[in-house]
N, C-alpha and C. Protein backbone atom coordinates (compact mmCIF):
# COMPACT_ATOMS: atom_id res chain seq x y z
N MET A 1 57.60 90.42 96.96
CA MET A 1 58.79 90.06 97.70
C MET A 1 60.02 90.49 96.91
N ARG A 2 60.99 91.06 97.61
CA ARG A 2 62.23 91.49 96.96
C ARG A 2 63.10 90.30 96.60
N THR A 3 63.76 90.42 95.49
CA THR A 3 64.71 89.38 95.12
C THR A 3 66.08 89.75 95.69
N SER A 4 66.85 88.75 95.99
CA SER A 4 68.16 88.97 96.57
C SER A 4 69.15 89.46 95.52
N LYS A 5 70.05 90.29 95.96
CA LYS A 5 71.11 90.77 95.09
C LYS A 5 72.15 89.67 94.85
N PHE A 6 72.16 88.67 95.74
CA PHE A 6 73.11 87.57 95.67
C PHE A 6 72.39 86.26 95.41
N LYS A 7 72.93 85.47 94.51
CA LYS A 7 72.38 84.13 94.27
C LYS A 7 72.85 83.20 95.38
N LYS A 8 72.22 82.05 95.46
CA LYS A 8 72.53 81.12 96.54
C LYS A 8 74.01 80.74 96.56
N ASP A 9 74.58 80.46 95.40
CA ASP A 9 75.99 80.07 95.37
C ASP A 9 76.91 81.21 95.80
N GLU A 10 76.52 82.45 95.50
CA GLU A 10 77.30 83.60 95.94
C GLU A 10 77.24 83.76 97.45
N ARG A 11 76.04 83.55 98.01
CA ARG A 11 75.89 83.63 99.47
C ARG A 11 76.75 82.56 100.15
N LEU A 12 76.75 81.35 99.59
CA LEU A 12 77.55 80.27 100.17
C LEU A 12 79.04 80.58 100.08
N ALA A 13 79.47 81.21 99.01
CA ALA A 13 80.88 81.59 98.87
C ALA A 13 81.27 82.63 99.92
N ILE A 14 80.38 83.57 100.18
CA ILE A 14 80.63 84.58 101.21
C ILE A 14 80.70 83.92 102.58
N LEU A 15 79.79 82.99 102.84
CA LEU A 15 79.79 82.28 104.13
C LEU A 15 81.04 81.41 104.27
N ALA A 16 81.54 80.90 103.16
CA ALA A 16 82.78 80.10 103.21
C ALA A 16 83.94 80.98 103.66
N LYS A 17 83.96 82.23 103.22
CA LYS A 17 85.00 83.16 103.67
C LYS A 17 84.88 83.40 105.17
N LEU A 18 83.65 83.44 105.64
CA LEU A 18 83.42 83.60 107.07
C LEU A 18 84.00 82.41 107.83
N ASP A 19 83.84 81.23 107.27
CA ASP A 19 84.36 80.01 107.91
C ASP A 19 85.88 79.97 107.93
N THR A 20 86.51 80.64 106.97
CA THR A 20 87.97 80.61 106.90
C THR A 20 88.63 81.68 107.76
N GLY A 21 87.82 82.44 108.49
CA GLY A 21 88.41 83.39 109.44
C GLY A 21 88.11 84.85 109.19
N SER A 22 87.48 85.20 108.11
CA SER A 22 87.12 86.59 107.88
C SER A 22 86.04 86.99 108.89
N SER A 23 86.08 88.24 109.32
CA SER A 23 85.09 88.68 110.30
C SER A 23 83.80 89.10 109.58
N VAL A 24 82.73 89.07 110.33
CA VAL A 24 81.43 89.48 109.79
C VAL A 24 81.49 90.94 109.36
N ASN A 25 82.16 91.76 110.15
CA ASN A 25 82.26 93.18 109.81
C ASN A 25 83.03 93.41 108.52
N GLU A 26 84.12 92.67 108.33
CA GLU A 26 84.90 92.79 107.09
C GLU A 26 84.05 92.43 105.88
N LEU A 27 83.37 91.30 105.96
CA LEU A 27 82.56 90.84 104.84
C LEU A 27 81.38 91.77 104.58
N SER A 28 80.84 92.31 105.65
CA SER A 28 79.73 93.26 105.52
C SER A 28 80.16 94.47 104.69
N ARG A 29 81.33 94.99 105.01
CA ARG A 29 81.84 96.15 104.25
C ARG A 29 82.21 95.77 102.82
N GLU A 30 82.87 94.63 102.67
CA GLU A 30 83.35 94.21 101.35
C GLU A 30 82.20 93.98 100.37
N TYR A 31 81.12 93.37 100.84
CA TYR A 31 80.01 93.01 99.95
C TYR A 31 78.80 93.93 100.09
N GLN A 32 78.93 94.96 100.92
CA GLN A 32 77.85 95.93 101.14
C GLN A 32 76.55 95.24 101.54
N VAL A 33 76.67 94.38 102.56
CA VAL A 33 75.55 93.65 103.12
C VAL A 33 75.55 93.94 104.62
N SER A 34 74.38 94.07 105.21
CA SER A 34 74.35 94.35 106.64
C SER A 34 74.83 93.15 107.44
N VAL A 35 75.30 93.43 108.64
CA VAL A 35 75.75 92.38 109.55
C VAL A 35 74.58 91.45 109.85
N ALA A 36 73.40 92.02 110.04
CA ALA A 36 72.20 91.22 110.33
C ALA A 36 71.90 90.25 109.20
N THR A 37 72.08 90.69 107.97
CA THR A 37 71.83 89.82 106.82
C THR A 37 72.81 88.66 106.80
N LEU A 38 74.08 88.93 107.09
CA LEU A 38 75.07 87.86 107.13
C LEU A 38 74.73 86.83 108.21
N HIS A 39 74.30 87.32 109.37
CA HIS A 39 73.91 86.39 110.43
C HIS A 39 72.67 85.58 110.03
N LYS A 40 71.75 86.21 109.31
CA LYS A 40 70.56 85.49 108.85
C LYS A 40 70.94 84.40 107.86
N TRP A 41 71.83 84.70 106.93
CA TRP A 41 72.29 83.69 105.96
C TRP A 41 72.96 82.53 106.70
N LYS A 42 73.76 82.87 107.70
CA LYS A 42 74.47 81.83 108.46
C LYS A 42 73.48 80.93 109.19
N ARG A 43 72.46 81.52 109.79
CA ARG A 43 71.43 80.75 110.49
C ARG A 43 70.67 79.85 109.54
N LYS A 44 70.31 80.36 108.37
CA LYS A 44 69.55 79.57 107.40
C LYS A 44 70.38 78.42 106.83
N ARG A 45 71.69 78.61 106.74
CA ARG A 45 72.57 77.57 106.19
C ARG A 45 72.63 76.35 107.11
N GLN A 46 72.51 76.57 108.40
CA GLN A 46 72.63 75.46 109.35
C GLN A 46 71.43 74.65 109.33
């Protein structure tokens, strides 16, 4: 199994930016993560 490039606290920090109004596309480009991955992180957080 592949290990994540981001630790749990880093993922939560990225998701916090999403909560403050940043778009998924912006964060995807900024952190070089796919849109699908961001949506998966968001789903798992809930």
